[in-house]
PDB file of N, CA and C in Angstrom:
ATOM      1  N   MET A   1      28.144  -3.545   5.611  1.00  0.00           N
ATOM      2  CA  MET A   1      28.043  -3.638   4.138  1.00  0.00           C
ATOM      3  C   MET A   1      26.122  -3.038   4.604  1.00  0.00           C
ATOM      4  N   LEU A   2      25.556  -2.773   4.013  1.00  0.00           N
ATOM      5  CA  LEU A   2      23.750  -2.861   4.357  1.00  0.00           C
ATOM      6  C   LEU A   2      23.237  -3.612   3.286  1.00  0.00           C
ATOM      7  N   ILE A   3      22.863  -3.941   3.455  1.00  0.00           N
ATOM      8  CA  ILE A   3      21.656  -4.474   2.095  1.00  0.00           C
ATOM      9  C   ILE A   3      20.525  -4.391   2.210  1.00  0.00           C
ATOM     10  N   ILE A   4      19.307  -3.618   1.105  1.00  0.00           N
ATOM     11  CA  ILE A   4      18.260  -3.219   1.611  1.00  0.00           C
ATOM     12  C   ILE A   4      17.203  -5.001   0.879  1.00  0.00           C
ATOM     13  N   ALA A   5      15.968  -5.961   0.660  1.00  0.00           N
ATOM     14  CA  ALA A   5      15.376  -7.034   0.512  1.00  0.00           C
ATOM     15  C   ALA A   5      14.566  -6.307   0.173  1.00  0.00           C
ATOM     16  N   PHE A   6      13.887  -6.901  -0.819  1.00  0.00           N
ATOM     17  CA  PHE A   6      12.047  -5.924  -1.008  1.00  0.00           C
ATOM     18  C   PHE A   6      12.382  -7.859  -2.017  1.00  0.00           C
ATOM     19  N   SER A   7      10.904  -7.944  -1.679  1.00  0.00           N
ATOM     20  CA  SER A   7       9.786  -9.160  -1.759  1.00  0.00           C
ATOM     21  C   SER A   7       8.924  -8.491  -2.639  1.00  0.00           C
ATOM     22  N   LYS A   8       8.261  -9.553  -3.287  1.00  0.00           N
ATOM     23  CA  LYS A   8       6.465  -9.406  -4.117  1.00  0.00           C
ATOM     24  C   LYS A   8       5.241  -9.932  -3.706  1.00  0.00           C
ATOM     25  N   LYS A   9       6.018 -10.871  -1.836  1.00  0.00           N
ATOM     26  CA  LYS A   9       4.885 -11.388  -1.719  1.00  0.00           C
ATOM     27  C   LYS A   9       4.460 -11.162  -0.217  1.00  0.00           C
ATOM     28  N   THR A  10       3.161 -10.667   0.156  1.00  0.00           N
ATOM     29  CA  THR A  10       3.058 -10.671   1.001  1.00  0.00           C
ATOM     30  C   THR A  10       1.535 -11.627   1.958  1.00  0.00           C
ATOM     31  N   SER A  11       1.657 -11.287   3.391  1.00  0.00           N
ATOM     32  CA  SER A  11       0.725 -12.559   3.307  1.00  0.00           C
ATOM     33  C   SER A  11      -1.333 -11.171   4.388  1.00  0.00           C
ATOM     34  N   LYS A  12      -0.001  -9.802   4.268  1.00  0.00           N
ATOM     35  CA  LYS A  12      -0.859  -8.999   4.612  1.00  0.00           C
ATOM     36  C   LYS A  12      -2.178  -8.452   3.769  1.00  0.00           C
ATOM     37  N   ILE A  13      -3.273  -7.183   4.466  1.00  0.00           N
ATOM     38  CA  ILE A  13      -4.089  -6.829   2.342  1.00  0.00           C
ATOM     39  C   ILE A  13      -3.346  -5.426   2.105  1.00  0.00           C
ATOM     40  N   LEU A  14      -3.469  -4.617   2.488  1.00  0.00           N
ATOM     41  CA  LEU A  14      -2.931  -2.945   2.152  1.00  0.00           C
ATOM     42  C   LEU A  14      -2.022  -2.359   1.858  1.00  0.00           C
ATOM     43  N   PRO A  15      -0.850  -4.084   1.786  1.00  0.00           N
ATOM     44  CA  PRO A  15       0.482  -4.398   0.305  1.00  0.00           C
ATOM     45  C   PRO A  15      -0.385  -4.794  -0.432  1.00  0.00           C
ATOM     46  N   LYS A  16      -1.555  -5.648  -0.189  1.00  0.00           N
ATOM     47  CA  LYS A  16      -1.698  -5.975  -1.197  1.00  0.00           C
ATOM     48  C   LYS A  16      -2.569  -5.188  -2.188  1.00  0.00           C
ATOM     49  N   ILE A  17      -3.233  -4.251  -1.935  1.00  0.00           N
ATOM     50  CA  ILE A  17      -3.677  -3.788  -3.027  1.00  0.00           C
ATOM     51  C   ILE A  17      -3.405  -2.209  -2.826  1.00  0.00           C
ATOM     52  N   PHE A  18      -2.568  -1.551  -3.009  1.00  0.00           N
ATOM     53  CA  PHE A  18      -1.516  -0.422  -2.752  1.00  0.00           C
ATOM     54  C   PHE A  18       0.193  -0.567  -3.090  1.00  0.00           C
ATOM     55  N   CYS A  19       0.410  -1.873  -3.220  1.00  0.00           N
ATOM     56  CA  CYS A  19       1.408  -1.677  -3.423  1.00  0.00           C
ATOM     57  C   CYS A  19       1.849  -2.545  -5.093  1.00  0.00           C
ATOM     58  N   ARG A  20       2.516  -2.052  -5.562  1.00  0.00           N
ATOM     59  CA  ARG A  20       2.669  -3.433  -6.945  1.00  0.00           C
ATOM     60  C   ARG A  20       3.450  -3.548  -7.705  1.00  0.00           C
ATOM     61  N   LYS A  21       4.625  -3.942  -7.616  1.00  0.00           N
ATOM     62  CA  LYS A  21       5.581  -4.839  -7.886  1.00  0.00           C
ATOM     63  C   LYS A  21       6.095  -5.478  -6.791  1.00  0.00           C
ATOM     64  N   TYR A  22       6.373  -4.998  -5.708  1.00  0.00           N
ATOM     65  CA  TYR A  22       7.483  -5.091  -3.932  1.00  0.00           C
ATOM     66  C   TYR A  22       6.288  -4.848  -3.116  1.00  0.00           C
ATOM     67  N   LYS A  23       6.033  -5.648  -2.250  1.00  0.00           N
ATOM     68  CA  LYS A  23       5.021  -5.418  -1.060  1.00  0.00           C
ATOM     69  C   LYS A  23       5.513  -5.806   0.134  1.00  0.00           C
ATOM     70  N   HIS A  24       7.201  -5.508   0.170  1.00  0.00           N
ATOM     71  CA  HIS A  24       7.512  -5.524   1.214  1.00  0.00           C
ATOM     72  C   HIS A  24       9.094  -5.354   1.784  1.00  0.00           C
ATOM     73  N   CYS A  25       9.716  -4.859   2.688  1.00  0.00           N
ATOM     74  CA  CYS A  25      11.205  -4.421   1.488  1.00  0.00           C
ATOM     75  C   CYS A  25      12.286  -4.432   3.490  1.00  0.00           C
ATOM     76  N   ALA A  26      12.490  -4.635   4.058  1.00  0.00           N
ATOM     77  CA  ALA A  26      13.600  -5.381   5.321  1.00  0.00           C
ATOM     78  C   ALA A  26      15.448  -4.863   4.612  1.00  0.00           C
ATOM     79  N   PRO A  27      16.242  -4.042   5.282  1.00  0.00           N
ATOM     80  CA  PRO A  27      17.373  -4.888   5.510  1.00  0.00           C
ATOM     81  C   PRO A  27      17.932  -5.344   6.252  1.00  0.00           C
ATOM     82  N   ILE A  28      19.396  -5.406   6.602  1.00  0.00           N
ATOM     83  CA  ILE A  28      20.397  -6.873   6.190  1.00  0.00           C
ATOM     84  C   ILE A  28      21.402  -6.229   6.566  1.00  0.00           C
ATOM     85  N   ILE A  29      21.884  -6.301   7.297  1.00  0.00           N
ATOM     86  CA  ILE A  29      22.750  -5.621   8.486  1.00  0.00           C
ATOM     87  C   ILE A  29      24.106  -6.903   8.405  1.00  0.00           C
ATOM     88  N   TYR A  30      25.507  -6.857   7.533  1.00  0.00           N
ATOM     89  CA  TYR A  30      26.935  -8.038   7.591  1.00  0.00           C
ATOM     90  C   TYR A  30      27.431  -7.661   8.656  1.00  0.00           C
ATOM     91  N   THR A  31      27.699  -8.858   9.856  1.00  0.00           N
ATOM     92  CA  THR A  31      28.176  -8.914  10.404  1.00  0.00           C
ATOM     93  C   THR A  31      29.238 -10.088  10.973  1.00  0.00           C
ATOM     94  N   HIS A  32      30.501  -9.969  10.653  1.00  0.00           N
ATOM     95  CA  HIS A  32      31.145 -11.203  11.076  1.00  0.00           C
ATOM     96  C   HIS A  32      30.587 -12.597  10.404  1.00  0.00           C
ATOM     97  N   LYS A  33      30.739 -12.132   9.617  1.00  0.00           N
ATOM     98  CA  LYS A  33      29.951 -13.591   8.797  1.00  0.00           C
ATOM     99  C   LYS A  33      28.894 -14.260   9.008  1.00  0.00           C
ATOM    100  N   LYS A  34      27.890 -13.015   9.209  1.00  0.00           N
ATOM    101  CA  LYS A  34      26.890 -13.533   9.753  1.00  0.00           C
ATOM    102  C   LYS A  34      25.288 -11.933   9.495  1.00  0.00           C
ATOM    103  N   TYR A  35      24.913 -12.735   9.212  1.00  0.00           N
ATOM    104  CA  TYR A  35      24.002 -11.576   7.913  1.00  0.00           C
ATOM    105  C   TYR A  35      22.378 -11.001   9.217  1.00  0.00           C
ATOM    106  N   ILE A  36      22.255 -10.856   8.892  1.00  0.00           N
ATOM    107  CA  ILE A  36      21.437  -9.939  10.402  1.00  0.00           C
ATOM    108  C   ILE A  36      19.474  -9.505   9.697  1.00  0.00           C
ATOM    109  N   LEU A  37      18.741 -10.247  10.007  1.00  0.00           N
ATOM    110  CA  LEU A  37      17.526  -9.310   8.929  1.00  0.00           C
ATOM    111  C   LEU A  37      16.958  -9.016   9.735  1.00  0.00           C
ATOM    112  N   LEU A  38      16.430  -7.440   9.396  1.00  0.00           N
ATOM    113  CA  LEU A  38      14.974  -6.547  10.769  1.00  0.00           C
ATOM    114  C   LEU A  38      13.678  -7.120   9.928  1.00  0.00           C
ATOM    115  N   GLN A  39      13.126  -7.708   9.996  1.00  0.00           N
ATOM    116  CA  GLN A  39      12.047  -7.915   9.477  1.00  0.00           C
ATOM    117  C   GLN A  39      10.679  -6.632  10.317  1.00  0.00           C
ATOM    118  N   PHE A  40      10.649  -6.147  10.161  1.00  0.00           N
ATOM    119  CA  PHE A  40       9.287  -4.996  10.346  1.00  0.00           C
ATOM    120  C   PHE A  40       8.190  -6.415  11.213  1.00  0.00           C
ATOM    121  N   VAL A  41       7.435  -6.188  12.322  1.00  0.00           N
ATOM    122  CA  VAL A  41       6.354  -6.511  12.373  1.00  0.00           C
ATOM    123  C   VAL A  41       5.115  -5.993  11.954  1.00  0.00           C
ATOM    124  N   ASN A  42       5.662  -4.846  13.202  1.00  0.00           N
ATOM    125  CA  ASN A  42       4.111  -3.942  13.377  1.00  0.00           C
ATOM    126  C   ASN A  42       5.310  -2.776  14.187  1.00  0.00           C
ATOM    127  N   SER A  43       4.888  -1.054  14.348  1.00  0.00           N
ATOM    128  CA  SER A  43       5.212  -0.067  15.214  1.00  0.00           C
ATOM    129  C   SER A  43       6.476  -0.726  16.369  1.00  0.00           C
ATOM    130  N   ASN A  44       5.897  -1.500  16.920  1.00  0.00           N
ATOM    131  CA  ASN A  44       6.642  -2.190  18.464  1.00  0.00           C
ATOM    132  C   ASN A  44       6.982  -2.673  18.021  1.00  0.00           C
ATOM    133  N   LYS A  45       7.740  -4.076  17.539  1.00  0.00           N
ATOM    134  CA  LYS A  45       7.892  -5.216  16.915  1.00  0.00           C
ATOM    135  C   LYS A  45       8.894  -5.226  15.115  1.00  0.00           C
ATOM    136  N   ILE A  46      10.049  -5.286  16.249  1.00  0.00           N
ATOM    137  CA  ILE A  46      11.783  -5.476  14.899  1.00  0.00           C
ATOM    138  C   ILE A  46      12.122  -7.002  15.072  1.00  0.00           C
ATOM    139  N   VAL A  47      11.327  -8.164  14.609  1.00  0.00           N
ATOM    140  CA  VAL A  47      12.078  -9.053  14.405  1.00  0.00           C
ATOM    141  C   VAL A  47      13.764  -9.149  14.466  1.00  0.00           C
ATOM    142  N   LYS A  48      14.634  -9.927  14.157  1.00  0.00           N
ATOM    143  CA  LYS A  48      16.149  -9.316  14.148  1.00  0.00           C
ATOM    144  C   LYS A  48      16.224 -11.248  13.728  1.00  0.00           C
ATOM    145  N   ILE A  49      16.648 -11.982  12.090  1.00  0.00           N
ATOM    146  CA  ILE A  49      16.445 -12.401  12.107  1.00  0.00           C
ATOM    147  C   ILE A  49      17.834 -13.206  11.807  1.00  0.00           C
ATOM    148  N   GLU A  50      18.485 -14.330  12.047  1.00  0.00           N
ATOM    149  CA  GLU A  50      19.701 -14.513  11.600  1.00  0.00           C
ATOM    150  C   GLU A  50      20.289 -15.642  10.720  1.00  0.00           C
ATOM    151  N   LEU A  51      20.995 -15.161   9.377  1.00  0.00           N
ATOM    152  CA  LEU A  51      20.593 -15.362   8.235  1.00  0.00           C
ATOM    153  C   LEU A  51      22.461 -16.231   8.075  1.00  0.00           C
ATOM    154  N   ASN A  52      22.628 -17.729   6.915  1.00  0.00           N
ATOM    155  CA  ASN A  52      24.324 -16.919   6.497  1.00  0.00           C
ATOM    156  C   ASN A  52      24.286 -17.026   4.771  1.00  0.00           C
ATOM    157  N   LYS A  53      24.890 -17.311   3.559  1.00  0.00           N
ATOM    158  CA  LYS A  53      25.136 -17.314   3.320  1.00  0.00           C
ATOM    159  C   LYS A  53      23.872 -18.161   1.229  1.00  0.00           C
ATOM    160  N   LEU A  54      23.328 -19.727   2.543  1.00  0.00           N
ATOM    161  CA  LEU A  54      22.659 -20.054   2.701  1.00  0.00           C
ATOM    162  C   LEU A  54      21.513 -19.516   2.408  1.00  0.00           C
ATOM    163  N   GLY A  55      21.218 -18.900   3.837  1.00  0.00           N
ATOM    164  CA  GLY A  55      19.714 -18.309   3.930  1.00  0.00           C
ATOM    165  C   GLY A  55      19.355 -17.382   2.961  1.00  0.00           C
ATOM    166  N   LEU A  56      20.160 -15.789   2.044  1.00  0.00           N
ATOM    167  CA  LEU A  56      20.902 -15.533   1.425  1.00  0.00           C
ATOM    168  C   LEU A  56      19.500 -15.959  -0.287  1.00  0.00           C
ATOM    169  N   LYS A  57      20.209 -17.690  -0.219  1.00  0.00           N
ATOM    170  CA  LYS A  57      20.491 -17.432  -1.346  1.00  0.00           C
ATOM    171  C   LYS A  57      18.669 -18.092  -1.701  1.00  0.00           C
ATOM    172  N   LEU A  58      18.274 -19.007  -0.674  1.00  0.00           N
ATOM    173  CA  LEU A  58      16.651 -19.494  -0.008  1.00  0.00           C
ATOM    174  C   LEU A  58      15.727 -17.951  -0.047  1.00  0.00           C
ATOM    175  N   LEU A  59      16.416 -16.877  -0.138  1.00  0.00           N
ATOM    176  CA  LEU A  59      15.489 -15.793  -0.157  1.00  0.00           C
ATOM    177  C   LEU A  59      15.152 -15.491  -0.980  1.00  0.00           C
ATOM    178  N   LEU A  60      16.990 -15.261  -2.426  1.00  0.00           N
ATOM    179  CA  LEU A  60      16.781 -14.881  -4.048  1.00  0.00           C
ATOM    180  C   LEU A  60      16.420 -15.709  -4.280  1.00  0.00           C
ATOM    181  N   ASN A  61      15.822 -17.594  -4.376  1.00  0.00           N
ATOM    182  CA  ASN A  61      15.142 -18.323  -4.681  1.00  0.00           C
ATOM    183  C   ASN A  61      13.431 -18.112  -4.413  1.00  0.00           C
ATOM    184  N   ALA A  62      13.833 -17.420  -3.826  1.00  0.00           N
ATOM    185  CA  ALA A  62      11.585 -18.082  -2.932  1.00  0.00           C
ATOM    186  C   ALA A  62      11.655 -15.647  -4.250  1.00  0.00           C
ATOM    187  N   GLY A  63      12.057 -15.934  -3.987  1.00  0.00           N
ATOM    188  CA  GLY A  63      11.561 -14.001  -5.139  1.00  0.00           C
ATOM    189  C   GLY A  63      11.986 -11.758  -4.025  1.00  0.00           C
ATOM    190  N   TRP A  64      13.077 -12.922  -3.020  1.00  0.00           N
ATOM    191  CA  TRP A  64      13.683 -11.262  -2.865  1.00  0.00           C
ATOM    192  C   TRP A  64      14.308 -11.635  -4.117  1.00  0.00           C
ATOM    193  N   ASP A  65      14.478  -9.732  -4.253  1.00  0.00           N
ATOM    194  CA  ASP A  65      15.331  -8.451  -4.130  1.00  0.00           C
ATOM    195  C   ASP A  65      16.372  -7.758  -3.703  1.00  0.00           C
ATOM    196  N   PHE A  66      17.844  -8.379  -3.867  1.00  0.00           N
ATOM    197  CA  PHE A  66      18.527  -6.714  -3.004  1.00  0.00           C
ATOM    198  C   PHE A  66      19.501  -6.413  -3.802  1.00  0.00           C
ATOM    199  N   ILE A  67      19.662  -4.831  -2.586  1.00  0.00           N
ATOM    200  CA  ILE A  67      19.883  -4.051  -3.204  1.00  0.00           C
ATOM    201  C   ILE A  67      21.545  -2.811  -1.661  1.00  0.00           C
ATOM    202  N   THR A  68      22.726  -3.519  -2.597  1.00  0.00           N
ATOM    203  CA  THR A  68      23.667  -3.418  -1.632  1.00  0.00           C
ATOM    204  C   THR A  68      24.144  -2.367  -1.815  1.00  0.00           C
ATOM    205  N   LEU A  69      24.239  -1.067  -0.444  1.00  0.00           N
ATOM    206  CA  LEU A  69      24.739  -0.289  -0.115  1.00  0.00           C
ATOM    207  C   LEU A  69      26.165   0.423   0.659  1.00  0.00           C
ATOM    208  N   LYS A  70      26.088   1.410   0.198  1.00  0.00           N
ATOM    209  CA  LYS A  70      27.432   1.200   0.941  1.00  0.00           C
ATOM    210  C   LYS A  70      27.571   2.524   1.797  1.00  0.00           C
ATOM    211  N   ALA A  71      27.018   1.895   3.009  1.00  0.00           N
ATOM    212  CA  ALA A  71      27.236   1.922   4.408  1.00  0.00           C
ATOM    213  C   ALA A  71      28.006   1.995   5.393  1.00  0.00           C
ATOM    214  N   ASP A  72      28.462   2.638   5.936  1.00  0.00           N
ATOM    215  CA  ASP A  72      29.672   2.893   7.054  1.00  0.00           C
ATOM    216  C   ASP A  72      28.701   1.757   8.232  1.00  0.00           C
ATOM    217  N   ARG A  73      27.807   2.539   9.005  1.00  0.00           N
ATOM    218  CA  ARG A  73      27.416   2.487   9.952  1.00  0.00           C
ATOM    219  C   ARG A  73      25.630   1.749  10.313  1.00  0.00           C
ATOM    220  N   PRO A  74      24.609   1.855  10.451  1.00  0.00           N
ATOM    221  CA  PRO A  74      22.961   1.700  10.052  1.00  0.00           C
ATOM    222  C   PRO A  74      23.396   2.844  11.475  1.00  0.00           C
ATOM    223  N   ASN A  75      21.330   3.314  11.639  1.00  0.00           N
ATOM    224  CA  ASN A  75      21.492   4.825  12.500  1.00  0.00           C
ATOM    225  C   ASN A  75      20.120   3.339  12.860  1.00  0.00           C
ATOM    226  N   LYS A  76      20.281   4.218  14.470  1.00  0.00           N
ATOM    227  CA  LYS A  76      19.374   3.583  15.150  1.00  0.00           C
ATOM    228  C   LYS A  76      17.814   2.529  14.794  1.00  0.00           C
ATOM    229  N   MET A  77      17.212   2.127  15.360  1.00  0.00           N
ATOM    230  CA  MET A  77      16.793   1.804  14.687  1.00  0.00           C
ATOM    231  C   MET A  77      15.216   2.714  15.955  1.00  0.00           C
ATOM    232  N   LYS A  78      13.974   3.246  14.606  1.00  0.00           N
ATOM    233  CA  LYS A  78      13.947   3.829  15.462  1.00  0.00           C
ATOM    234  C   LYS A  78      11.968   3.256  14.994  1.00  0.00           C
ATOM    235  N   LYS A  79      11.122   3.850  16.686  1.00  0.00           N
ATOM    236  CA  LYS A  79       9.156   3.157  15.191  1.00  0.00           C
ATOM    237  C   LYS A  79       9.268   4.006  13.839  1.00  0.00           C
ATOM    238  N   ALA A  80       8.142   3.470  13.560  1.00  0.00           N
ATOM    239  CA  ALA A  80       7.501   3.373  12.285  1.00  0.00           C
ATOM    240  C   ALA A  80       7.006   3.037  11.906  1.00  0.00           C
ATOM    241  N   LYS A  81       6.225   3.390  10.817  1.00  0.00           N
ATOM    242  CA  LYS A  81       4.452   2.412  10.980  1.00  0.00           C
ATOM    243  C   LYS A  81       3.788   1.870   9.433  1.00  0.00           C
ATOM    244  N   THR A  82       5.509   1.503   8.953  1.00  0.00           N
ATOM    245  CA  THR A  82       5.406   1.175   7.910  1.00  0.00           C
ATOM    246  C   THR A  82       7.122   0.012   7.272  1.00  0.00           C
ATOM    247  N   CYS A  83       7.222  -0.906   6.779  1.00  0.00           N
ATOM    248  CA  CYS A  83       8.864  -1.354   6.706  1.00  0.00           C
ATOM    249  C   CYS A  83       9.165  -0.160   5.411  1.00  0.00           C
ATOM    250  N   VAL A  84       8.773   0.603   4.736  1.00  0.00           N
ATOM    251  CA  VAL A  84       9.888   1.569   4.182  1.00  0.00           C
ATOM    252  C   VAL A  84       9.666   2.947   5.404  1.00  0.00           C
ATOM    253  N   ASN A  85       8.964   2.929   6.163  1.00  0.00           N
ATOM    254  CA  ASN A  85       9.540   4.213   6.778  1.00  0.00           C
ATOM    255  C   ASN A  85      10.762   3.579   7.910  1.00  0.00           C
ATOM    256  N   PHE A  86      10.739   2.940   8.070  1.00  0.00           N
ATOM    257  CA  PHE A  86      11.637   1.802   9.091  1.00  0.00           C
ATOM    258  C   PHE A  86      12.765   1.683   8.186  1.00  0.00           C
ATOM    259  N   THR A  87      12.939   1.346   7.367  1.00  0.00           N
ATOM    260  CA  THR A  87      13.581   1.184   6.257  1.00  0.00           C
ATOM    261  C   THR A  87      14.129   2.613   6.225  1.00  0.00           C
ATOM    262  N   LYS A  88      13.862   2.786   5.585  1.00  0.00           N
ATOM    263  CA  LYS A  88      14.627   4.775   5.482  1.00  0.00           C
ATOM    264  C   LYS A  88      14.807   5.328   6.184  1.00  0.00           C
ATOM    265  N   LYS A  89      14.427   4.961   7.258  1.00  0.00           N
ATOM    266  CA  LYS A  89      14.821   6.108   8.683  1.00  0.00           C
ATOM    267  C   LYS A  89      16.198   4.881   9.246  1.00  0.00           C
ATOM    268  N   PHE A  90      16.277   3.638   8.679  1.00  0.00           N
ATOM    269  CA  PHE A  90      17.416   3.029   9.296  1.00  0.00           C
ATOM    270  C   PHE A  90      18.578   3.060   8.087  1.00  0.00           C
ATOM    271  N   ILE A  91      18.295   3.460   7.007  1.00  0.00           N
ATOM    272  CA  ILE A  91      19.442   4.272   5.826  1.00  0.00           C
ATOM    273  C   ILE A  91      19.330   5.158   6.403  1.00  0.00           C
ATOM    274  N   GLY A  92      18.765   6.712   6.725  1.00  0.00           N
ATOM    275  CA  GLY A  92      19.299   7.988   7.004  1.00  0.00           C
ATOM    276  C   GLY A  92      18.369   8.687   6.151  1.00  0.00           C
ATOM    277  N   MET A  93      17.639   7.853   4.550  1.00  0.00           N
ATOM    278  CA  MET A  93      17.121   8.708   4.286  1.00  0.00           C
ATOM    279  C   MET A  93      15.874   9.457   4.116  1.00  0.00           C
ATOM    280  N   LYS A  94      15.924  10.337   3.485  1.00  0.00           N
ATOM    281  CA  LYS A  94      15.120  11.339   3.863  1.00  0.00           C
ATOM    282  C   LYS A  94      13.787  12.018   2.629  1.00  0.00           C
ATOM    283  N   ALA A  95      13.595  10.654   2.303  1.00  0.00           N
ATOM    284  CA  ALA A  95      12.370  11.373   1.503  1.00  0.00           C
ATOM    285  C   ALA A  95      10.988  11.377   1.105  1.00  0.00           C
ATOM    286  N   PRO A  96      10.019  12.468   2.012  1.00  0.00           N
ATOM    287  CA  PRO A  96       8.933  11.973   2.418  1.00  0.00           C
ATOM    288  C   PRO A  96       7.901  11.560   2.016  1.00  0.00           C
ATOM    289  N   PHE A  97       7.998  11.466   0.271  1.00  0.00           N
ATOM    290  CA  PHE A  97       7.200  11.143  -0.557  1.00  0.00           C
ATOM    291  C   PHE A  97       7.155   9.487  -1.461  1.00  0.00           C
ATOM    292  N   ILE A  98       8.597   8.572  -0.683  1.00  0.00           N
ATOM    293  CA  ILE A  98       8.058   7.362  -1.023  1.00  0.00           C
ATOM    294  C   ILE A  98       7.984   6.968   0.587  1.00  0.00           C
ATOM    295  N   GLN A  99       6.374   6.268  -0.404  1.00  0.00           N
ATOM    296  CA  GLN A  99       6.000   5.487   0.714  1.00  0.00           C
ATOM    297  C   GLN A  99       5.613   4.336  -0.041  1.00  0.00           C
ATOM    298  N   THR A 100       6.091   3.184  -1.272  1.00  0.00           N
ATOM    299  CA  THR A 100       6.088   2.328  -1.102  1.00  0.00           C
ATOM    300  C   THR A 100       7.022   1.505  -1.094  1.00  0.00           C
ATOM    301  N   PRO A 101       7.421   0.132  -1.308  1.00  0.00           N
ATOM    302  CA  PRO A 101       8.377  -0.697  -1.287  1.00  0.00           C
ATOM    303  C   PRO A 101       9.618   0.146  -3.171  1.00  0.00           C
ATOM    304  N   TYR A 102       8.101  -0.285  -3.697  1.00  0.00           N
ATOM    305  CA  TYR A 102       8.798  -0.224  -5.566  1.00  0.00           C
ATOM    306  C   TYR A 102       9.640   1.660  -5.618  1.00  0.00           C
ATOM    307  N   SER A 103       8.627   2.502  -5.092  1.00  0.00           N
ATOM    308  CA  SER A 103       9.435   3.473  -4.758  1.00  0.00           C
ATOM    309  C   SER A 103      10.259   3.425  -4.344  1.00  0.00           C
ATOM    310  N   LEU A 104      10.838   2.531  -3.232  1.00  0.00           N
ATOM    311  CA  LEU A 104      12.241   2.778  -2.019  1.00  0.00           C
ATOM    312  C   LEU A 104      13.385   1.943  -3.430  1.00  0.00           C
ATOM    313  N   TYR A 105      12.655   1.410  -4.340  1.00  0.00           N
ATOM    314  CA  TYR A 105      13.763   0.801  -4.710  1.00  0.00           C
ATOM    315  C   TYR A 105      14.185   0.998  -6.357  1.00  0.00           C
ATOM    316  N   LYS A 106      13.180   1.404  -6.640  1.00  0.00           N
ATOM    317  CA  LYS A 106      13.729   3.289  -7.845  1.00  0.00           C
ATOM    318  C   LYS A 106      14.464   3.451  -7.125  1.00  0.00           C
ATOM    319  N   LYS A 107      13.739   3.924  -6.782  1.00  0.00           N
ATOM    320  CA  LYS A 107      15.377   5.815  -6.038  1.00  0.00           C
ATOM    321  C   LYS A 107      16.133   4.596  -5.462  1.00  0.00           C
ATOM    322  N   LEU A 108      16.445   3.890  -5.003  1.00  0.00           N
ATOM    323  CA  LEU A 108      18.241   2.963  -4.371  1.00  0.00           C
ATOM    324  C   LEU A 108      18.140   2.549  -5.760  1.00  0.00           C
ATOM    325  N   LYS A 109      17.853   2.563  -6.876  1.00  0.00           N
ATOM    326  CA  LYS A 109      18.462   1.565  -8.366  1.00  0.00           C
ATOM    327  C   LYS A 109      18.673   3.323  -8.993  1.00  0.00           C
ATOM    328  N   ARG A 110      18.596   4.012  -8.843  1.00  0.00           N
ATOM    329  CA  ARG A 110      19.656   4.991 -10.013  1.00  0.00           C
ATOM    330  C   ARG A 110      20.124   5.064  -8.903  1.00  0.00           C
ATOM    331  N   PRO A 111      21.424   5.999  -9.612  1.00  0.00           N
ATOM    332  CA  PRO A 111      23.002   6.419 -10.114  1.00  0.00           C
ATOM    333  C   PRO A 111      22.606   7.662  -9.031  1.00  0.00           C
TER     334      PRO A 111
END
């Protein structure tokens, strides 16, 4: 199971200017009773954060939204320039015009 998390808050300046509703996105992998959030920091650094169900509930209470995808196995981590680009590469999506977390959210929410 793969979860894509979307946040409405960020500390970076450019997402505050260009992104509308959601400012950040991150994939979450479920493996053996624990969740691993892959936090995009910059193009050379991706931080793995281990979560449990309580951690997911805390994220939900902090304003994060989740979309669950039925993906068997995610793609390998590749270099990316933004969190959206990283998430698209991670789930194997090829959509060059999706550049903001909100547009990715709308694309994944569509049936």
